[in-house]
C-alpha atoms as a PDB file:
ATOM      1  CA  UNK A   1     250.527-133.032-139.238  1.00  0.00           C
ATOM      2  CA  UNK A   2     247.648-132.199-136.903  1.00  0.00           C
ATOM      3  CA  UNK A   3     244.943-129.763-138.062  1.00  0.00           C
ATOM      4  CA  UNK A   4     244.446-126.545-136.199  1.00  0.00           C
ATOM      5  CA  UNK A   5     241.257-125.868-134.245  1.00  0.00           C
ATOM      6  CA  UNK A   6     240.041-123.440-136.946  1.00  0.00           C
ATOM      7  CA  UNK A   7     240.589-126.034-139.680  1.00  0.00           C
ATOM      8  CA  UNK A   8     238.727-128.651-137.666  1.00  0.00           C
ATOM      9  CA  UNK A   9     235.790-126.265-137.322  1.00  0.00           C
ATOM     10  CA  UNK A  10     235.781-125.258-141.009  1.00  0.00           C
ATOM     11  CA  UNK A  11     235.867-128.753-142.464  1.00  0.00           C
ATOM     12  CA  UNK A  12     232.314-129.817-141.451  1.00  0.00           C
ATOM     13  CA  UNK A  13     230.974-126.531-142.855  1.00  0.00           C
ATOM     14  CA  UNK A  14     232.655-127.230-146.188  1.00  0.00           C
ATOM     15  CA  UNK A  15     231.135-130.723-146.324  1.00  0.00           C
ATOM     16  CA  UNK A  16     227.719-129.329-145.398  1.00  0.00           C
ATOM     17  CA  UNK A  17     227.901-126.714-148.148  1.00  0.00           C
ATOM     18  CA  UNK A  18     228.816-129.372-150.724  1.00  0.00           C
ATOM     19  CA  UNK A  19     225.980-131.603-149.530  1.00  0.00           C
ATOM     20  CA  UNK A  20     223.499-128.748-149.760  1.00  0.00           C
ATOM     21  CA  UNK A  21     224.656-127.961-153.295  1.00  0.00           C
ATOM     22  CA  UNK A  22     224.298-131.603-154.330  1.00  0.00           C
ATOM     23  CA  UNK A  23     220.814-131.860-152.792  1.00  0.00           C
ATOM     24  CA  UNK A  24     219.787-128.576-154.392  1.00  0.00           C
ATOM     25  CA  UNK A  25     221.071-129.762-157.755  1.00  0.00           C
ATOM     26  CA  UNK A  26     219.256-133.098-157.372  1.00  0.00           C
ATOM     27  CA  UNK A  27     215.903-131.446-156.686  1.00  0.00           C
ATOM     28  CA  UNK A  28     216.454-128.901-159.467  1.00  0.00           C
ATOM     29  CA  UNK A  29     217.226-131.708-161.911  1.00  0.00           C
ATOM     30  CA  UNK A  30     214.053-133.579-160.936  1.00  0.00           C
ATOM     31  CA  UNK A  31     211.963-130.429-161.293  1.00  0.00           C
ATOM     32  CA  UNK A  32     213.380-129.690-164.751  1.00  0.00           C
ATOM     33  CA  UNK A  33     212.954-133.337-165.748  1.00  0.00           C
ATOM     34  CA  UNK A  34     209.267-133.201-164.793  1.00  0.00           C
ATOM     35  CA  UNK A  35     208.762-130.091-166.929  1.00  0.00           C
ATOM     36  CA  UNK A  36     210.614-131.667-169.858  1.00  0.00           C
ATOM     37  CA  UNK A  37     208.501-134.831-169.664  1.00  0.00           C
ATOM     38  CA  UNK A  38     205.310-132.757-169.562  1.00  0.00           C
ATOM     39  CA  UNK A  39     206.381-130.721-172.581  1.00  0.00           C
ATOM     40  CA  UNK A  40     207.428-133.892-174.399  1.00  0.00           C
ATOM     41  CA  UNK A  41     204.009-135.477-173.845  1.00  0.00           C
ATOM     42  CA  UNK A  42     202.265-132.308-175.022  1.00  0.00           C
ATOM     43  CA  UNK A  43     204.499-132.077-178.104  1.00  0.00           C
ATOM     44  CA  UNK A  44     203.904-135.738-178.936  1.00  0.00           C
ATOM     45  CA  UNK A  45     200.143-135.277-178.711  1.00  0.00           C
ATOM     46  CA  UNK A  46     200.201-132.136-180.843  1.00  0.00           C
ATOM     47  CA  UNK A  47     202.337-133.562-183.641  1.00  0.00           C
ATOM     48  CA  UNK A  48     200.421-136.849-183.666  1.00  0.00           C
ATOM     49  CA  UNK A  49     197.064-135.077-183.693  1.00  0.00           C
ATOM     50  CA  UNK A  50     197.911-132.644-186.511  1.00  0.00           C
ATOM     51  CA  UNK A  51     197.622-135.264-189.318  1.00  0.00           C
ATOM     52  CA  UNK A  52     194.016-135.922-188.257  1.00  0.00           C
ATOM     53  CA  UNK A  53     192.997-132.407-189.249  1.00  0.00           C
ATOM     54  CA  UNK A  54     194.205-132.930-192.794  1.00  0.00           C
ATOM     55  CA  UNK A  55     191.128-135.123-193.233  1.00  0.00           C
ATOM     56  CA  UNK A  56     188.863-133.751-190.486  1.00  0.00           C
ATOM     57  CA  UNK A  57     187.498-130.234-190.230  1.00  0.00           C
ATOM     58  CA  UNK A  58     188.624-128.917-186.800  1.00  0.00           C
ATOM     59  CA  UNK A  59     185.313-127.109-186.306  1.00  0.00           C
ATOM     60  CA  UNK A  60     183.365-130.275-187.143  1.00  0.00           C
ATOM     61  CA  UNK A  61     185.646-132.222-184.802  1.00  0.00           C
ATOM     62  CA  UNK A  62     184.944-129.894-181.880  1.00  0.00           C
ATOM     63  CA  UNK A  63     181.242-129.312-182.578  1.00  0.00           C
ATOM     64  CA  UNK A  64     180.099-132.560-184.246  1.00  0.00           C
ATOM     65  CA  UNK A  65     177.524-134.711-182.471  1.00  0.00           C
ATOM     66  CA  UNK A  66     178.326-138.040-184.154  1.00  0.00           C
ATOM     67  CA  UNK A  67     181.374-140.247-183.545  1.00  0.00           C
ATOM     68  CA  UNK A  68     181.331-143.074-186.078  1.00  0.00           C
ATOM     69  CA  UNK A  69     184.794-143.837-187.499  1.00  0.00           C
ATOM     70  CA  UNK A  70     183.570-147.080-189.101  1.00  0.00           C
ATOM     71  CA  UNK A  71     180.806-145.448-191.129  1.00  0.00           C
ATOM     72  CA  UNK A  72     180.541-146.840-194.686  1.00  0.00           C
ATOM     73  CA  UNK A  73     179.402-143.480-196.025  1.00  0.00           C
ATOM     74  CA  UNK A  74     181.918-141.148-194.451  1.00  0.00           C
ATOM     75  CA  UNK A  75     184.075-141.138-191.386  1.00  0.00           C
ATOM     76  CA  UNK A  76     182.461-138.931-188.776  1.00  0.00           C
ATOM     77  CA  UNK A  77     184.517-137.602-185.885  1.00  0.00           C
ATOM     78  CA  UNK A  78     182.480-135.384-183.580  1.00  0.00           C
ATOM     79  CA  UNK A  79     183.529-135.258-179.935  1.00  0.00           C
ATOM     80  CA  UNK A  80     180.557-133.395-178.442  1.00  0.00           C
ATOM     81  CA  UNK A  81     178.819-136.582-177.164  1.00  0.00           C
ATOM     82  CA  UNK A  82     181.990-137.641-175.374  1.00  0.00           C
ATOM     83  CA  UNK A  83     182.576-134.157-173.971  1.00  0.00           C
ATOM     84  CA  UNK A  84     179.013-134.016-172.683  1.00  0.00           C
ATOM     85  CA  UNK A  85     179.350-137.522-171.217  1.00  0.00           C
ATOM     86  CA  UNK A  86     182.613-136.596-169.503  1.00  0.00           C
ATOM     87  CA  UNK A  87     181.115-133.424-168.018  1.00  0.00           C
ATOM     88  CA  UNK A  88     177.972-135.265-166.911  1.00  0.00           C
ATOM     89  CA  UNK A  89     179.871-137.979-165.070  1.00  0.00           C
ATOM     90  CA  UNK A  90     182.315-135.485-163.562  1.00  0.00           C
ATOM     91  CA  UNK A  91     179.556-133.101-162.443  1.00  0.00           C
ATOM     92  CA  UNK A  92     177.638-135.995-160.885  1.00  0.00           C
ATOM     93  CA  UNK A  93     180.768-137.143-159.076  1.00  0.00           C
ATOM     94  CA  UNK A  94     181.382-133.659-157.687  1.00  0.00           C
ATOM     95  CA  UNK A  95     177.773-133.328-156.514  1.00  0.00           C
ATOM     96  CA  UNK A  96     178.355-136.419-154.408  1.00  0.00           C
ATOM     97  CA  UNK A  97     182.000-136.016-153.412  1.00  0.00           C
ATOM     98  CA  UNK A  98     182.199-132.301-152.576  1.00  0.00           C
ATOM     99  CA  UNK A  99     179.669-132.118-149.706  1.00  0.00           C
ATOM    100  CA  UNK A 100     180.700-135.528-148.404  1.00  0.00           C
ATOM    101  CA  UNK A 101     184.405-134.697-148.666  1.00  0.00           C
ATOM    102  CA  UNK A 102     184.135-131.272-147.020  1.00  0.00           C
ATOM    103  CA  UNK A 103     181.935-132.697-144.268  1.00  0.00           C
ATOM    104  CA  UNK A 104     184.408-135.489-143.597  1.00  0.00           C
ATOM    105  CA  UNK A 105     187.323-133.042-143.581  1.00  0.00           C
ATOM    106  CA  UNK A 106     185.505-130.784-141.105  1.00  0.00           C
ATOM    107  CA  UNK A 107     184.740-133.770-138.897  1.00  0.00           C
ATOM    108  CA  UNK A 108     188.354-134.976-138.902  1.00  0.00           C
ATOM    109  CA  UNK A 109     189.669-131.463-138.343  1.00  0.00           C
ATOM    110  CA  UNK A 110     187.434-130.229-135.513  1.00  0.00           C
ATOM    111  CA  UNK A 111     185.068-132.892-134.210  1.00  0.00           C
ATOM    112  CA  UNK A 112     186.721-136.315-134.212  1.00  0.00           C
ATOM    113  CA  UNK A 113     188.684-137.476-131.191  1.00  0.00           C
ATOM    114  CA  UNK A 114     192.416-138.110-131.661  1.00  0.00           C
ATOM    115  CA  UNK A 115     191.861-141.878-131.645  1.00  0.00           C
ATOM    116  CA  UNK A 116     189.076-141.659-134.232  1.00  0.00           C
ATOM    117  CA  UNK A 117     191.254-139.423-136.380  1.00  0.00           C
ATOM    118  CA  UNK A 118     194.126-141.908-136.202  1.00  0.00           C
ATOM    119  CA  UNK A 119     191.851-144.620-137.573  1.00  0.00           C
ATOM    120  CA  UNK A 120     189.833-142.583-140.092  1.00  0.00           C
ATOM    121  CA  UNK A 121     192.675-140.636-141.716  1.00  0.00           C
ATOM    122  CA  UNK A 122     194.713-143.705-142.828  1.00  0.00           C
ATOM    123  CA  UNK A 123     191.482-145.382-143.968  1.00  0.00           C
ATOM    124  CA  UNK A 124     190.713-142.462-146.264  1.00  0.00           C
ATOM    125  CA  UNK A 125     194.259-142.512-147.621  1.00  0.00           C
ATOM    126  CA  UNK A 126     194.078-146.275-148.234  1.00  0.00           C
ATOM    127  CA  UNK A 127     190.923-145.634-150.266  1.00  0.00           C
ATOM    128  CA  UNK A 128     193.068-143.795-152.808  1.00  0.00           C
ATOM    129  CA  UNK A 129     195.158-146.925-153.313  1.00  0.00           C
ATOM    130  CA  UNK A 130     192.305-149.177-154.439  1.00  0.00           C
ATOM    131  CA  UNK A 131     192.859-150.060-158.130  1.00  0.00           C
ATOM    132  CA  UNK A 132     190.349-148.475-160.482  1.00  0.00           C
ATOM    133  CA  UNK A 133     189.569-151.845-162.042  1.00  0.00           C
ATOM    134  CA  UNK A 134     188.414-153.104-158.633  1.00  0.00           C
ATOM    135  CA  UNK A 135     186.146-150.095-158.208  1.00  0.00           C
ATOM    136  CA  UNK A 136     184.800-150.660-161.723  1.00  0.00           C
ATOM    137  CA  UNK A 137     184.094-154.290-160.896  1.00  0.00           C
ATOM    138  CA  UNK A 138     182.191-153.231-157.768  1.00  0.00           C
ATOM    139  CA  UNK A 139     180.233-150.835-159.951  1.00  0.00           C
ATOM    140  CA  UNK A 140     179.146-153.693-162.199  1.00  0.00           C
ATOM    141  CA  UNK A 141     178.244-156.280-159.555  1.00  0.00           C
ATOM    142  CA  UNK A 142     177.157-154.046-156.650  1.00  0.00           C
ATOM    143  CA  UNK A 143     176.278-150.448-157.533  1.00  0.00           C
ATOM    144  CA  UNK A 144     174.757-151.150-160.953  1.00  0.00           C
ATOM    145  CA  UNK A 145     172.077-153.624-159.756  1.00  0.00           C
ATOM    146  CA  UNK A 146     171.123-151.251-156.921  1.00  0.00           C
ATOM    147  CA  UNK A 147     170.690-148.336-159.355  1.00  0.00           C
ATOM    148  CA  UNK A 148     168.671-150.536-161.736  1.00  0.00           C
ATOM    149  CA  UNK A 149     166.373-151.614-158.904  1.00  0.00           C
ATOM    150  CA  UNK A 150     165.868-148.093-157.539  1.00  0.00           C
ATOM    151  CA  UNK A 151     165.058-146.458-160.883  1.00  0.00           C
ATOM    152  CA  UNK A 152     163.361-149.462-162.497  1.00  0.00           C
ATOM    153  CA  UNK A 153     165.670-149.748-165.496  1.00  0.00           C
ATOM    154  CA  UNK A 154     167.162-152.770-167.263  1.00  0.00           C
ATOM    155  CA  UNK A 155     170.740-152.269-166.040  1.00  0.00           C
ATOM    156  CA  UNK A 156     172.735-149.822-163.992  1.00  0.00           C
ATOM    157  CA  UNK A 157     175.534-149.183-166.472  1.00  0.00           C
ATOM    158  CA  UNK A 158     174.952-145.464-166.884  1.00  0.00           C
ATOM    159  CA  UNK A 159     176.155-142.018-165.892  1.00  0.00           C
ATOM    160  CA  UNK A 160     174.799-142.349-162.348  1.00  0.00           C
ATOM    161  CA  UNK A 161     176.908-145.445-161.761  1.00  0.00           C
ATOM    162  CA  UNK A 162     180.002-143.705-163.114  1.00  0.00           C
ATOM    163  CA  UNK A 163     179.324-140.632-160.975  1.00  0.00           C
ATOM    164  CA  UNK A 164     179.056-142.692-157.791  1.00  0.00           C
ATOM    165  CA  UNK A 165     182.282-144.568-158.490  1.00  0.00           C
ATOM    166  CA  UNK A 166     184.225-141.459-159.488  1.00  0.00           C
ATOM    167  CA  UNK A 167     182.990-139.721-156.349  1.00  0.00           C
ATOM    168  CA  UNK A 168     184.517-142.530-154.282  1.00  0.00           C
ATOM    169  CA  UNK A 169     187.805-142.128-156.152  1.00  0.00           C
ATOM    170  CA  UNK A 170     187.844-138.324-155.765  1.00  0.00           C
ATOM    171  CA  UNK A 171     187.032-138.366-152.048  1.00  0.00           C
ATOM    172  CA  UNK A 172     190.602-139.002-150.741  1.00  0.00           C
ATOM    173  CA  UNK A 173     191.944-135.983-152.637  1.00  0.00           C
ATOM    174  CA  UNK A 174     189.143-133.677-151.512  1.00  0.00           C
ATOM    175  CA  UNK A 175     189.222-134.843-147.894  1.00  0.00           C
ATOM    176  CA  UNK A 176     193.003-134.691-147.493  1.00  0.00           C
ATOM    177  CA  UNK A 177     193.539-131.233-148.984  1.00  0.00           C
ATOM    178  CA  UNK A 178     190.389-129.777-147.393  1.00  0.00           C
ATOM    179  CA  UNK A 179     191.491-131.014-143.980  1.00  0.00           C
ATOM    180  CA  UNK A 180     194.917-129.415-144.457  1.00  0.00           C
ATOM    181  CA  UNK A 181     193.203-126.148-145.414  1.00  0.00           C
ATOM    182  CA  UNK A 182     190.983-126.246-142.323  1.00  0.00           C
ATOM    183  CA  UNK A 183     193.913-127.077-140.042  1.00  0.00           C
ATOM    184  CA  UNK A 184     195.878-124.104-141.401  1.00  0.00           C
ATOM    185  CA  UNK A 185     193.204-121.603-140.313  1.00  0.00           C
ATOM    186  CA  UNK A 186     194.690-119.614-137.372  1.00  0.00           C
ATOM    187  CA  UNK A 187     193.536-120.731-133.920  1.00  0.00           C
ATOM    188  CA  UNK A 188     192.674-117.121-133.122  1.00  0.00           C
ATOM    189  CA  UNK A 189     189.683-117.367-135.493  1.00  0.00           C
ATOM    190  CA  UNK A 190     188.387-120.408-133.640  1.00  0.00           C
ATOM    191  CA  UNK A 191     188.944-118.938-130.206  1.00  0.00           C
ATOM    192  CA  UNK A 192     187.401-115.575-131.097  1.00  0.00           C
ATOM    193  CA  UNK A 193     184.277-117.274-132.444  1.00  0.00           C
ATOM    194  CA  UNK A 194     183.869-119.354-129.290  1.00  0.00           C
ATOM    195  CA  UNK A 195     184.461-116.273-127.146  1.00  0.00           C
ATOM    196  CA  UNK A 196     181.587-114.504-128.910  1.00  0.00           C
ATOM    197  CA  UNK A 197     179.239-117.326-127.897  1.00  0.00           C
ATOM    198  CA  UNK A 198     179.197-119.424-131.087  1.00  0.00           C
ATOM    199  CA  UNK A 199     179.034-123.197-130.780  1.00  0.00           C
ATOM    200  CA  UNK A 200     181.684-125.494-132.242  1.00  0.00           C
ATOM    201  CA  UNK A 201     179.353-126.357-135.121  1.00  0.00           C
ATOM    202  CA  UNK A 202     178.655-122.682-135.904  1.00  0.00           C
ATOM    203  CA  UNK A 203     182.367-121.936-135.715  1.00  0.00           C
ATOM    204  CA  UNK A 204     183.220-124.653-138.221  1.00  0.00           C
ATOM    205  CA  UNK A 205     180.423-123.743-140.646  1.00  0.00           C
ATOM    206  CA  UNK A 206     180.528-119.952-140.468  1.00  0.00           C
ATOM    207  CA  UNK A 207     184.158-119.237-139.617  1.00  0.00           C
ATOM    208  CA  UNK A 208     186.618-122.012-140.475  1.00  0.00           C
ATOM    209  CA  UNK A 209     185.140-123.213-143.769  1.00  0.00           C
ATOM    210  CA  UNK A 210     184.797-119.653-145.203  1.00  0.00           C
ATOM    211  CA  UNK A 211     188.348-118.879-144.044  1.00  0.00           C
ATOM    212  CA  UNK A 212     189.659-122.021-145.762  1.00  0.00           C
ATOM    213  CA  UNK A 213     187.464-121.647-148.843  1.00  0.00           C
ATOM    214  CA  UNK A 214     190.358-121.119-151.276  1.00  0.00           C
ATOM    215  CA  UNK A 215     192.083-124.309-150.180  1.00  0.00           C
ATOM    216  CA  UNK A 216     188.802-126.225-150.248  1.00  0.00           C
ATOM    217  CA  UNK A 217     188.105-124.927-153.757  1.00  0.00           C
ATOM    218  CA  UNK A 218     191.521-126.105-154.901  1.00  0.00           C
ATOM    219  CA  UNK A 219     190.805-129.511-153.337  1.00  0.00           C
ATOM    220  CA  UNK A 220     187.527-129.784-155.235  1.00  0.00           C
ATOM    221  CA  UNK A 221     189.180-128.836-158.517  1.00  0.00           C
ATOM    222  CA  UNK A 222     191.929-131.401-158.009  1.00  0.00           C
ATOM    223  CA  UNK A 223     189.232-133.956-157.286  1.00  0.00           C
ATOM    224  CA  UNK A 224     187.549-132.880-160.515  1.00  0.00           C
ATOM    225  CA  UNK A 225     190.792-133.425-162.415  1.00  0.00           C
ATOM    226  CA  UNK A 226     191.045-136.875-160.842  1.00  0.00           C
ATOM    227  CA  UNK A 227     187.529-137.712-162.020  1.00  0.00           C
ATOM    228  CA  UNK A 228     188.000-136.421-165.573  1.00  0.00           C
ATOM    229  CA  UNK A 229     191.187-138.416-166.109  1.00  0.00           C
ATOM    230  CA  UNK A 230     189.855-141.752-164.856  1.00  0.00           C
ATOM    231  CA  UNK A 231     189.594-144.486-167.502  1.00  0.00           C
ATOM    232  CA  UNK A 232     189.003-148.046-166.335  1.00  0.00           C
ATOM    233  CA  UNK A 233     186.162-147.296-163.921  1.00  0.00           C
ATOM    234  CA  UNK A 234     184.047-145.389-166.438  1.00  0.00           C
ATOM    235  CA  UNK A 235     184.951-147.890-169.142  1.00  0.00           C
ATOM    236  CA  UNK A 236     183.468-150.717-167.080  1.00  0.00           C
ATOM    237  CA  UNK A 237     180.495-149.024-165.414  1.00  0.00           C
ATOM    238  CA  UNK A 238     178.939-146.472-167.781  1.00  0.00           C
ATOM    239  CA  UNK A 239     177.776-148.558-170.735  1.00  0.00           C
ATOM    240  CA  UNK A 240     180.140-146.924-173.268  1.00  0.00           C
ATOM    241  CA  UNK A 241     177.522-145.805-175.826  1.00  0.00           C
ATOM    242  CA  UNK A 242     179.043-143.225-178.216  1.00  0.00           C
ATOM    243  CA  UNK A 243     175.702-141.521-178.915  1.00  0.00           C
ATOM    244  CA  UNK A 244     174.667-138.198-177.399  1.00  0.00           C
ATOM    245  CA  UNK A 245     173.543-138.944-173.817  1.00  0.00           C
ATOM    246  CA  UNK A 246     169.889-138.301-173.100  1.00  0.00           C
ATOM    247  CA  UNK A 247     169.904-138.501-169.303  1.00  0.00           C
ATOM    248  CA  UNK A 248     171.935-139.620-166.322  1.00  0.00           C
ATOM    249  CA  UNK A 249     170.140-142.960-166.462  1.00  0.00           C
ATOM    250  CA  UNK A 250     171.365-143.668-169.988  1.00  0.00           C
ATOM    251  CA  UNK A 251     174.700-145.148-171.103  1.00  0.00           C
ATOM    252  CA  UNK A 252     177.531-142.715-171.802  1.00  0.00           C
ATOM    253  CA  UNK A 253     181.074-142.819-173.154  1.00  0.00           C
ATOM    254  CA  UNK A 254     183.740-140.453-171.858  1.00  0.00           C
ATOM    255  CA  UNK A 255     186.848-139.216-173.653  1.00  0.00           C
ATOM    256  CA  UNK A 256     189.110-141.560-171.717  1.00  0.00           C
ATOM    257  CA  UNK A 257     187.028-144.665-172.318  1.00  0.00           C
ATOM    258  CA  UNK A 258     186.820-143.912-176.056  1.00  0.00           C
ATOM    259  CA  UNK A 259     190.599-143.796-176.309  1.00  0.00           C
ATOM    260  CA  UNK A 260     190.984-146.993-174.272  1.00  0.00           C
ATOM    261  CA  UNK A 261     188.407-148.924-176.319  1.00  0.00           C
ATOM    262  CA  UNK A 262     189.459-147.915-179.816  1.00  0.00           C
ATOM    263  CA  UNK A 263     193.204-147.315-179.750  1.00  0.00           C
ATOM    264  CA  UNK A 264     194.108-151.000-179.427  1.00  0.00           C
ATOM    265  CA  UNK A 265     192.167-151.996-182.568  1.00  0.00           C
ATOM    266  CA  UNK A 266     192.559-148.999-184.864  1.00  0.00           C
ATOM    267  CA  UNK A 267     194.725-149.188-187.984  1.00  0.00           C
ATOM    268  CA  UNK A 268     198.097-147.531-187.536  1.00  0.00           C
ATOM    269  CA  UNK A 269     198.567-144.148-189.312  1.00  0.00           C
ATOM    270  CA  UNK A 270     194.878-143.989-190.252  1.00  0.00           C
ATOM    271  CA  UNK A 271     192.677-140.936-189.782  1.00  0.00           C
ATOM    272  CA  UNK A 272     190.946-142.732-186.947  1.00  0.00           C
ATOM    273  CA  UNK A 273     194.321-143.344-185.271  1.00  0.00           C
ATOM    274  CA  UNK A 274     195.270-139.676-185.392  1.00  0.00           C
ATOM    275  CA  UNK A 275     191.784-138.623-184.287  1.00  0.00           C
ATOM    276  CA  UNK A 276     192.227-140.599-181.071  1.00  0.00           C
ATOM    277  CA  UNK A 277     195.418-138.682-180.359  1.00  0.00           C
ATOM    278  CA  UNK A 278     193.437-135.503-180.962  1.00  0.00           C
ATOM    279  CA  UNK A 279     191.018-136.738-178.298  1.00  0.00           C
ATOM    280  CA  UNK A 280     193.989-137.235-176.002  1.00  0.00           C
ATOM    281  CA  UNK A 281     195.148-133.684-176.718  1.00  0.00           C
ATOM    282  CA  UNK A 282     191.728-132.277-175.816  1.00  0.00           C
ATOM    283  CA  UNK A 283     191.716-134.288-172.595  1.00  0.00           C
ATOM    284  CA  UNK A 284     195.272-133.180-171.780  1.00  0.00           C
ATOM    285  CA  UNK A 285     194.352-129.516-172.217  1.00  0.00           C
ATOM    286  CA  UNK A 286     191.230-129.860-170.057  1.00  0.00           C
ATOM    287  CA  UNK A 287     193.049-131.559-167.182  1.00  0.00           C
ATOM    288  CA  UNK A 288     196.025-129.188-167.469  1.00  0.00           C
ATOM    289  CA  UNK A 289     193.780-126.112-167.230  1.00  0.00           C
ATOM    290  CA  UNK A 290     191.906-127.546-164.232  1.00  0.00           C
ATOM    291  CA  UNK A 291     195.117-128.398-162.377  1.00  0.00           C
ATOM    292  CA  UNK A 292     196.676-125.029-163.227  1.00  0.00           C
ATOM    293  CA  UNK A 293     193.641-123.133-161.902  1.00  0.00           C
ATOM    294  CA  UNK A 294     193.592-125.205-158.710  1.00  0.00           C
ATOM    295  CA  UNK A 295     197.328-124.615-158.236  1.00  0.00           C
ATOM    296  CA  UNK A 296     196.874-120.845-158.654  1.00  0.00           C
ATOM    297  CA  UNK A 297     194.034-120.830-156.126  1.00  0.00           C
ATOM    298  CA  UNK A 298     196.080-122.892-153.671  1.00  0.00           C
ATOM    299  CA  UNK A 299     199.087-120.565-153.949  1.00  0.00           C
ATOM    300  CA  UNK A 300     196.900-117.512-153.387  1.00  0.00           C
ATOM    301  CA  UNK A 301     195.453-119.211-150.329  1.00  0.00           C
ATOM    302  CA  UNK A 302     198.940-119.925-148.951  1.00  0.00           C
ATOM    303  CA  UNK A 303     200.005-116.291-149.510  1.00  0.00           C
ATOM    304  CA  UNK A 304     196.954-114.980-147.676  1.00  0.00           C
ATOM    305  CA  UNK A 305     197.669-117.182-144.652  1.00  0.00           C
ATOM    306  CA  UNK A 306     201.334-116.227-144.331  1.00  0.00           C
END
């Protein structure tokens, strides 16, 4: 029996509605799965870190300045040197990456020709795909000797080396998101500034960048989260000395490199083993807070520009 015209018209709509429901359910499932995995990781870290504080004073753990699990006198687990080292390397990376990243984003957004942009943009994105171990190797054989020669020190495995390498790794994130923020500034701002007699450079510096400041801030914070969570590069290029760092030219050991170095050799179910998971919990909380703040800033920026 042949279908009526109305039935022929309705059938595609029914199939479309089912497809939309399936797609919606698929994306909802993936979103919930991501949240569940995140909560599972957090729960695992918490319950594995709790046994450490049966033997370690939490206050001493968070405020201690000595990390020496193999001490013959008493196990000492103070994370302040590693926190300071992590903040030093991250701050140094941001000092390098933020102005360079924002400048590059402004150039790609408003100055570069279309052909230059087509070449430069994929190059920046490819930079994010370079393995961290390769960047660490370049830090040892290329950046380290240059730093040692410039500052007249024995070797270049220090916080400066780590900062330079982490800046390179954070640049793709900062450039990409900052460029998107600059491109989302309404054209009326640009045209009004030019109509008032401002040059293109003045318009970018005094109009577009302030208008996109929320998005640029979020980009910098995401770049900061990228730098804090990096392991292999800082493990190879910073010297990995667990003592309290004295300067940027001295060796440092970050939270991530401490976990990577010691977890493979530590005795299972020992205090040292659980203390490393406590380090992981601290690192997880730091990176989670940074990413949450950057996400809040980015959402506020999107709401303002709607």
